[in-house]
Amino acid sequence: MTDPAPDPTPNSVFVPGAASPADDLTQAWWDAATERRLTVETCAACGNRQHPPRGVCTACSSTEHLGQADVAGTGTIDSFTVVHRAPRADVEVPYVLARVRLGEGPVLLTRLVGGLEWRIGQPVTVAWADLPDGRALPYFTRIPDSQT
């Protein structure tokens, strides 16, 4: 099976605007993202993995055993929607917003890039968009059928 041709819709390229600044809870995540490493917060006390960083383990309530751990950057689509009304004038529509469940368990709210046709359970992989301030922001793209 051949991979589908790239979709020329506005959703075929993702150019993010400004993102929230890093703070004490998110600095380690942003540091990894700047290096294009996808991480999730992991509790050394119980092994729970969660995203976004919270500063407290949602499984055991530990606040002292949390750190960032690299993940593979692959997952499946849990849910998605195509957004047709821009939240701001500088946001190009349509675009796809999705919940992606990583192979390691946590769910990320993210953009899907590469057309508007997606399906629940579809495998995806992380890609990176440069932010104006030098950081990088993850989004997800299709894994070609030949690689699944």
N, C-alpha and C. Protein backbone atom coordinates (compact mmCIF):
# COMPACT_ATOMS: atom_id res chain seq x y z
N MET A 1 0.84 -1.18 0.00
CA MET A 1 0.00 0.00 0.00
C MET A 1 0.89 1.24 0.00
N THR A 2 0.55 2.23 -0.79
CA THR A 2 1.35 3.44 -0.84
C THR A 2 0.79 4.45 0.16
N ASP A 3 1.67 5.31 0.63
CA ASP A 3 1.25 6.36 1.56
C ASP A 3 0.42 7.38 0.81
N PRO A 4 -0.58 7.99 1.50
CA PRO A 4 -1.38 8.99 0.81
C PRO A 4 -0.54 10.21 0.48
N ALA A 5 -0.93 10.91 -0.58
CA ALA A 5 -0.24 12.14 -0.96
C ALA A 5 -0.44 13.19 0.13
N PRO A 6 0.54 14.06 0.30
CA PRO A 6 0.37 15.12 1.30
C PRO A 6 -0.88 15.94 1.00
N ASP A 7 -1.56 16.34 2.03
CA ASP A 7 -2.79 17.12 1.91
C ASP A 7 -2.44 18.60 1.82
N PRO A 8 -2.88 19.32 0.78
CA PRO A 8 -2.52 20.73 0.64
C PRO A 8 -3.38 21.67 1.48
N THR A 9 -4.23 21.15 2.35
CA THR A 9 -5.06 22.01 3.18
C THR A 9 -4.21 22.77 4.18
N PRO A 10 -4.74 23.82 4.80
CA PRO A 10 -3.97 24.56 5.79
C PRO A 10 -3.45 23.66 6.92
N ASN A 11 -4.08 22.53 7.15
CA ASN A 11 -3.68 21.64 8.23
C ASN A 11 -2.42 20.84 7.89
N SER A 12 -1.84 21.02 6.73
CA SER A 12 -0.66 20.25 6.38
C SER A 12 0.62 20.85 6.97
N VAL A 13 0.53 22.05 7.53
CA VAL A 13 1.66 22.70 8.17
C VAL A 13 1.17 23.31 9.48
N PHE A 14 1.96 23.18 10.52
CA PHE A 14 1.58 23.73 11.82
C PHE A 14 2.60 24.79 12.21
N VAL A 15 2.16 26.03 12.32
CA VAL A 15 3.01 27.12 12.75
C VAL A 15 2.39 27.68 14.02
N PRO A 16 2.93 27.29 15.18
CA PRO A 16 2.33 27.74 16.43
C PRO A 16 2.65 29.20 16.71
N GLY A 17 1.82 29.80 17.50
CA GLY A 17 2.08 31.15 17.98
C GLY A 17 2.84 31.07 19.30
N ALA A 18 2.60 32.01 20.16
CA ALA A 18 3.26 32.01 21.46
C ALA A 18 2.66 30.92 22.34
N ALA A 19 3.47 30.36 23.23
CA ALA A 19 3.00 29.35 24.18
C ALA A 19 3.19 29.89 25.59
N SER A 20 2.48 29.30 26.52
CA SER A 20 2.60 29.71 27.92
C SER A 20 4.05 29.63 28.37
N PRO A 21 4.48 30.57 29.20
CA PRO A 21 5.87 30.50 29.68
C PRO A 21 6.06 29.31 30.62
N ALA A 22 7.30 28.85 30.69
CA ALA A 22 7.63 27.78 31.63
C ALA A 22 7.51 28.32 33.05
N ASP A 23 7.17 27.42 33.98
CA ASP A 23 7.15 27.77 35.40
C ASP A 23 7.85 26.66 36.17
N ASP A 24 7.80 26.69 37.49
CA ASP A 24 8.50 25.69 38.29
C ASP A 24 8.05 24.26 37.97
N LEU A 25 6.77 24.08 37.66
CA LEU A 25 6.26 22.73 37.37
C LEU A 25 6.59 22.26 35.96
N THR A 26 6.67 23.19 35.01
CA THR A 26 6.82 22.79 33.60
C THR A 26 8.21 23.01 33.02
N GLN A 27 9.12 23.61 33.77
CA GLN A 27 10.44 23.93 33.22
C GLN A 27 11.17 22.70 32.67
N ALA A 28 11.17 21.60 33.41
CA ALA A 28 11.88 20.39 32.95
C ALA A 28 11.24 19.84 31.67
N TRP A 29 9.91 19.92 31.57
CA TRP A 29 9.23 19.47 30.36
C TRP A 29 9.63 20.34 29.17
N TRP A 30 9.62 21.67 29.35
CA TRP A 30 10.00 22.57 28.27
C TRP A 30 11.47 22.40 27.89
N ASP A 31 12.34 22.15 28.87
CA ASP A 31 13.76 21.91 28.56
C ASP A 31 13.91 20.71 27.64
N ALA A 32 13.19 19.63 27.95
CA ALA A 32 13.24 18.42 27.11
C ALA A 32 12.65 18.71 25.73
N ALA A 33 11.53 19.42 25.70
CA ALA A 33 10.88 19.74 24.42
C ALA A 33 11.78 20.60 23.54
N THR A 34 12.54 21.49 24.15
CA THR A 34 13.48 22.31 23.38
C THR A 34 14.51 21.43 22.68
N GLU A 35 14.84 20.30 23.30
CA GLU A 35 15.76 19.32 22.70
C GLU A 35 15.01 18.31 21.82
N ARG A 36 13.71 18.54 21.63
CA ARG A 36 12.84 17.65 20.86
C ARG A 36 12.78 16.24 21.45
N ARG A 37 12.68 16.20 22.77
CA ARG A 37 12.46 14.96 23.49
C ARG A 37 11.11 15.06 24.17
N LEU A 38 10.23 14.12 23.90
CA LEU A 38 8.92 14.10 24.54
C LEU A 38 9.05 13.38 25.87
N THR A 39 8.60 14.02 26.94
CA THR A 39 8.68 13.43 28.27
C THR A 39 7.32 13.51 28.95
N VAL A 40 7.15 12.68 29.96
CA VAL A 40 5.98 12.75 30.84
C VAL A 40 6.47 12.74 32.28
N GLU A 41 5.68 13.30 33.15
CA GLU A 41 6.03 13.28 34.57
C GLU A 41 5.85 11.86 35.09
N THR A 42 6.87 11.38 35.81
CA THR A 42 6.88 10.01 36.31
C THR A 42 7.18 10.01 37.80
N CYS A 43 6.43 9.19 38.54
CA CYS A 43 6.61 9.08 39.98
C CYS A 43 7.53 7.89 40.29
N ALA A 44 8.66 8.16 40.91
CA ALA A 44 9.59 7.10 41.27
C ALA A 44 9.07 6.25 42.43
N ALA A 45 8.10 6.76 43.18
CA ALA A 45 7.55 6.01 44.31
C ALA A 45 6.60 4.90 43.86
N CYS A 46 5.78 5.18 42.83
CA CYS A 46 4.78 4.18 42.43
C CYS A 46 4.82 3.83 40.95
N GLY A 47 5.59 4.56 40.15
CA GLY A 47 5.69 4.27 38.72
C GLY A 47 4.64 4.93 37.85
N ASN A 48 3.74 5.70 38.44
CA ASN A 48 2.70 6.36 37.66
C ASN A 48 3.31 7.36 36.68
N ARG A 49 2.72 7.44 35.49
CA ARG A 49 3.12 8.42 34.48
C ARG A 49 1.93 9.30 34.20
N GLN A 50 2.18 10.61 34.10
CA GLN A 50 1.08 11.55 33.90
C GLN A 50 1.54 12.74 33.08
N HIS A 51 0.57 13.40 32.47
CA HIS A 51 0.82 14.62 31.71
C HIS A 51 -0.46 15.44 31.76
N PRO A 52 -0.39 16.74 31.92
CA PRO A 52 0.80 17.57 32.05
C PRO A 52 1.42 17.45 33.44
N PRO A 53 2.63 18.03 33.60
CA PRO A 53 3.27 18.01 34.92
C PRO A 53 2.36 18.68 35.96
N ARG A 54 2.22 18.03 37.11
CA ARG A 54 1.30 18.53 38.14
C ARG A 54 1.98 18.85 39.47
N GLY A 55 3.12 18.25 39.73
CA GLY A 55 3.76 18.49 41.02
C GLY A 55 3.24 17.59 42.13
N VAL A 56 2.23 16.77 41.82
CA VAL A 56 1.73 15.77 42.76
C VAL A 56 1.32 14.54 41.94
N CYS A 57 1.70 13.38 42.41
CA CYS A 57 1.34 12.15 41.71
C CYS A 57 -0.16 11.91 41.86
N THR A 58 -0.83 11.68 40.73
CA THR A 58 -2.28 11.44 40.77
C THR A 58 -2.62 10.04 41.26
N ALA A 59 -1.61 9.17 41.41
CA ALA A 59 -1.86 7.81 41.88
C ALA A 59 -1.60 7.67 43.38
N CYS A 60 -0.45 8.19 43.85
CA CYS A 60 -0.08 7.97 45.26
C CYS A 60 0.05 9.26 46.07
N SER A 61 -0.15 10.40 45.44
CA SER A 61 -0.08 11.72 46.07
C SER A 61 1.32 12.15 46.49
N SER A 62 2.34 11.46 46.03
CA SER A 62 3.72 11.86 46.33
C SER A 62 4.01 13.21 45.68
N THR A 63 4.75 14.03 46.38
CA THR A 63 5.21 15.30 45.82
C THR A 63 6.74 15.34 45.72
N GLU A 64 7.39 14.32 46.28
CA GLU A 64 8.84 14.32 46.36
C GLU A 64 9.53 13.39 45.37
N HIS A 65 8.81 12.56 44.67
CA HIS A 65 9.42 11.54 43.81
C HIS A 65 9.09 11.73 42.33
N LEU A 66 8.83 12.96 41.93
CA LEU A 66 8.42 13.22 40.56
C LEU A 66 9.57 13.72 39.70
N GLY A 67 9.62 13.27 38.47
CA GLY A 67 10.61 13.73 37.51
C GLY A 67 10.11 13.47 36.11
N GLN A 68 10.83 13.97 35.14
CA GLN A 68 10.46 13.77 33.75
C GLN A 68 11.17 12.54 33.20
N ALA A 69 10.46 11.72 32.43
CA ALA A 69 11.03 10.53 31.79
C ALA A 69 10.70 10.58 30.30
N ASP A 70 11.68 10.25 29.48
CA ASP A 70 11.47 10.21 28.04
C ASP A 70 10.46 9.13 27.68
N VAL A 71 9.66 9.41 26.65
CA VAL A 71 8.73 8.43 26.10
C VAL A 71 9.01 8.31 24.60
N ALA A 72 8.48 7.26 23.98
CA ALA A 72 8.78 6.96 22.58
C ALA A 72 8.21 8.00 21.62
N GLY A 73 7.11 8.65 21.99
CA GLY A 73 6.51 9.64 21.10
C GLY A 73 5.54 9.04 20.10
N THR A 74 5.07 7.83 20.38
CA THR A 74 4.05 7.23 19.53
C THR A 74 2.82 6.93 20.38
N GLY A 75 1.68 6.91 19.73
CA GLY A 75 0.44 6.63 20.44
C GLY A 75 -0.69 6.43 19.47
N THR A 76 -1.91 6.48 20.00
CA THR A 76 -3.11 6.34 19.18
C THR A 76 -4.09 7.45 19.51
N ILE A 77 -4.91 7.77 18.54
CA ILE A 77 -5.91 8.82 18.72
C ILE A 77 -7.08 8.28 19.55
N ASP A 78 -7.35 8.94 20.68
CA ASP A 78 -8.50 8.61 21.52
C ASP A 78 -9.76 9.32 21.03
N SER A 79 -9.57 10.58 20.64
CA SER A 79 -10.69 11.42 20.24
C SER A 79 -10.12 12.60 19.46
N PHE A 80 -10.93 13.20 18.59
CA PHE A 80 -10.46 14.38 17.86
C PHE A 80 -11.64 15.19 17.37
N THR A 81 -11.36 16.44 17.02
CA THR A 81 -12.36 17.30 16.42
C THR A 81 -11.67 18.21 15.41
N VAL A 82 -12.40 18.56 14.37
CA VAL A 82 -11.90 19.51 13.39
C VAL A 82 -12.46 20.88 13.77
N VAL A 83 -11.56 21.82 14.01
CA VAL A 83 -11.94 23.17 14.43
C VAL A 83 -12.05 24.05 13.18
N HIS A 84 -13.22 24.65 13.01
CA HIS A 84 -13.47 25.49 11.84
C HIS A 84 -13.56 26.97 12.18
N ARG A 85 -13.64 27.29 13.47
CA ARG A 85 -13.74 28.69 13.88
C ARG A 85 -12.50 29.03 14.70
N ALA A 86 -11.72 29.96 14.22
CA ALA A 86 -10.46 30.32 14.86
C ALA A 86 -10.69 30.99 16.21
N PRO A 87 -9.90 30.60 17.23
CA PRO A 87 -10.02 31.25 18.53
C PRO A 87 -9.44 32.67 18.52
N ARG A 88 -8.54 32.92 17.56
CA ARG A 88 -7.93 34.24 17.38
C ARG A 88 -7.77 34.48 15.89
N ALA A 89 -7.61 35.72 15.52
CA ALA A 89 -7.49 36.07 14.10
C ALA A 89 -6.23 35.48 13.45
N ASP A 90 -5.18 35.23 14.23
CA ASP A 90 -3.93 34.74 13.65
C ASP A 90 -3.86 33.22 13.55
N VAL A 91 -4.93 32.51 13.91
CA VAL A 91 -4.94 31.05 13.84
C VAL A 91 -5.65 30.62 12.56
N GLU A 92 -4.93 29.84 11.74
CA GLU A 92 -5.47 29.38 10.48
C GLU A 92 -6.36 28.16 10.70
N VAL A 93 -7.54 28.16 10.10
CA VAL A 93 -8.47 27.04 10.19
C VAL A 93 -8.67 26.46 8.81
N PRO A 94 -9.13 25.22 8.69
CA PRO A 94 -9.43 24.30 9.79
C PRO A 94 -8.16 23.66 10.33
N TYR A 95 -8.25 23.18 11.57
CA TYR A 95 -7.17 22.39 12.16
C TYR A 95 -7.79 21.31 13.03
N VAL A 96 -6.98 20.32 13.38
CA VAL A 96 -7.48 19.17 14.13
C VAL A 96 -6.87 19.17 15.52
N LEU A 97 -7.72 19.11 16.52
CA LEU A 97 -7.34 19.02 17.92
C LEU A 97 -7.68 17.61 18.38
N ALA A 98 -6.76 16.97 19.12
CA ALA A 98 -6.99 15.57 19.47
C ALA A 98 -6.46 15.22 20.85
N ARG A 99 -7.00 14.12 21.38
CA ARG A 99 -6.43 13.43 22.54
C ARG A 99 -5.63 12.27 21.98
N VAL A 100 -4.33 12.25 22.30
CA VAL A 100 -3.47 11.14 21.87
C VAL A 100 -3.02 10.39 23.11
N ARG A 101 -3.33 9.09 23.14
CA ARG A 101 -2.87 8.23 24.25
C ARG A 101 -1.53 7.66 23.85
N LEU A 102 -0.50 8.06 24.61
CA LEU A 102 0.84 7.56 24.34
C LEU A 102 0.93 6.08 24.64
N GLY A 103 1.87 5.41 24.02
CA GLY A 103 2.09 4.00 24.28
C GLY A 103 2.39 3.72 25.74
N GLU A 104 2.95 4.71 26.44
CA GLU A 104 3.27 4.57 27.86
C GLU A 104 2.09 4.88 28.77
N GLY A 105 0.95 5.30 28.20
CA GLY A 105 -0.25 5.49 29.00
C GLY A 105 -0.83 6.89 29.09
N PRO A 106 -0.03 7.92 29.36
CA PRO A 106 -0.62 9.25 29.50
C PRO A 106 -1.27 9.76 28.23
N VAL A 107 -2.20 10.69 28.40
CA VAL A 107 -2.92 11.29 27.29
C VAL A 107 -2.45 12.73 27.12
N LEU A 108 -2.20 13.12 25.87
CA LEU A 108 -1.83 14.49 25.55
C LEU A 108 -2.93 15.13 24.72
N LEU A 109 -3.26 16.36 25.03
CA LEU A 109 -4.13 17.17 24.19
C LEU A 109 -3.21 17.87 23.21
N THR A 110 -3.43 17.70 21.91
CA THR A 110 -2.44 18.12 20.92
C THR A 110 -3.09 18.41 19.58
N ARG A 111 -2.30 18.87 18.65
CA ARG A 111 -2.74 19.06 17.27
C ARG A 111 -2.34 17.84 16.45
N LEU A 112 -3.19 17.49 15.46
CA LEU A 112 -2.86 16.49 14.45
C LEU A 112 -2.61 17.25 13.16
N VAL A 113 -1.54 16.93 12.47
CA VAL A 113 -1.19 17.62 11.24
C VAL A 113 -1.03 16.60 10.12
N GLY A 114 -1.59 16.92 8.97
CA GLY A 114 -1.49 16.03 7.82
C GLY A 114 -2.85 15.73 7.24
N GLY A 115 -3.71 16.71 7.20
CA GLY A 115 -5.04 16.53 6.64
C GLY A 115 -6.12 16.60 7.71
N LEU A 116 -7.33 16.42 7.27
CA LEU A 116 -8.48 16.52 8.18
C LEU A 116 -9.15 15.18 8.42
N GLU A 117 -8.74 14.14 7.70
CA GLU A 117 -9.35 12.82 7.82
C GLU A 117 -8.53 11.95 8.77
N TRP A 118 -9.12 11.62 9.92
CA TRP A 118 -8.46 10.80 10.94
C TRP A 118 -9.46 9.78 11.44
N ARG A 119 -8.99 8.82 12.23
CA ARG A 119 -9.92 7.85 12.82
C ARG A 119 -9.47 7.52 14.25
N ILE A 120 -10.42 7.21 15.08
CA ILE A 120 -10.14 6.79 16.45
C ILE A 120 -9.30 5.51 16.38
N GLY A 121 -8.26 5.44 17.20
CA GLY A 121 -7.39 4.28 17.22
C GLY A 121 -6.25 4.35 16.22
N GLN A 122 -6.22 5.38 15.40
CA GLN A 122 -5.16 5.51 14.40
C GLN A 122 -3.82 5.77 15.07
N PRO A 123 -2.76 5.07 14.65
CA PRO A 123 -1.44 5.31 15.23
C PRO A 123 -0.84 6.62 14.73
N VAL A 124 -0.18 7.33 15.63
CA VAL A 124 0.44 8.61 15.31
C VAL A 124 1.82 8.69 15.96
N THR A 125 2.63 9.62 15.48
CA THR A 125 3.97 9.83 16.02
C THR A 125 4.22 11.32 16.21
N VAL A 126 5.08 11.63 17.15
CA VAL A 126 5.35 13.02 17.48
C VAL A 126 6.20 13.69 16.40
N ALA A 127 5.94 14.97 16.19
CA ALA A 127 6.75 15.85 15.35
C ALA A 127 6.89 17.15 16.15
N TRP A 128 7.72 18.05 15.70
CA TRP A 128 8.01 19.25 16.49
C TRP A 128 7.87 20.51 15.66
N ALA A 129 7.29 21.54 16.26
CA ALA A 129 7.17 22.85 15.63
C ALA A 129 7.98 23.84 16.47
N ASP A 130 8.72 24.69 15.79
CA ASP A 130 9.52 25.69 16.49
C ASP A 130 8.64 26.83 16.96
N LEU A 131 8.85 27.24 18.20
CA LEU A 131 8.16 28.39 18.75
C LEU A 131 9.03 29.63 18.55
N PRO A 132 8.42 30.80 18.51
CA PRO A 132 9.20 32.02 18.30
C PRO A 132 10.28 32.28 19.36
N ASP A 133 10.09 31.73 20.56
CA ASP A 133 11.05 31.98 21.65
C ASP A 133 12.18 30.95 21.72
N GLY A 134 12.28 30.06 20.72
CA GLY A 134 13.35 29.07 20.70
C GLY A 134 12.96 27.71 21.24
N ARG A 135 11.82 27.61 21.91
CA ARG A 135 11.36 26.30 22.38
C ARG A 135 10.72 25.55 21.22
N ALA A 136 10.34 24.31 21.46
CA ALA A 136 9.64 23.50 20.45
C ALA A 136 8.36 22.95 21.08
N LEU A 137 7.35 22.78 20.25
CA LEU A 137 6.05 22.30 20.70
C LEU A 137 5.71 21.02 19.96
N PRO A 138 5.35 19.95 20.68
CA PRO A 138 5.01 18.71 19.99
C PRO A 138 3.63 18.76 19.36
N TYR A 139 3.51 18.09 18.23
CA TYR A 139 2.23 17.80 17.60
C TYR A 139 2.37 16.40 17.04
N PHE A 140 1.31 15.85 16.46
CA PHE A 140 1.36 14.47 16.01
C PHE A 140 0.97 14.35 14.54
N THR A 141 1.57 13.37 13.87
CA THR A 141 1.32 13.11 12.46
C THR A 141 1.03 11.62 12.27
N ARG A 142 0.59 11.27 11.10
CA ARG A 142 0.28 9.87 10.78
C ARG A 142 1.53 9.00 10.80
N ILE A 143 1.36 7.76 11.19
CA ILE A 143 2.36 6.73 10.95
C ILE A 143 1.86 6.01 9.71
N PRO A 144 2.64 5.99 8.64
CA PRO A 144 2.17 5.32 7.42
C PRO A 144 1.80 3.86 7.70
N ASP A 145 0.77 3.39 7.02
CA ASP A 145 0.28 2.01 7.20
C ASP A 145 1.41 1.00 7.05
N SER A 146 2.39 1.30 6.22
CA SER A 146 3.49 0.35 5.99
C SER A 146 4.38 0.22 7.21
N GLN A 147 4.26 1.15 8.20
CA GLN A 147 5.11 1.11 9.39
C GLN A 147 4.38 0.63 10.62
N THR A 148 3.11 0.27 10.50
CA THR A 148 2.34 -0.16 11.68
C THR A 148 2.25 -1.66 11.75
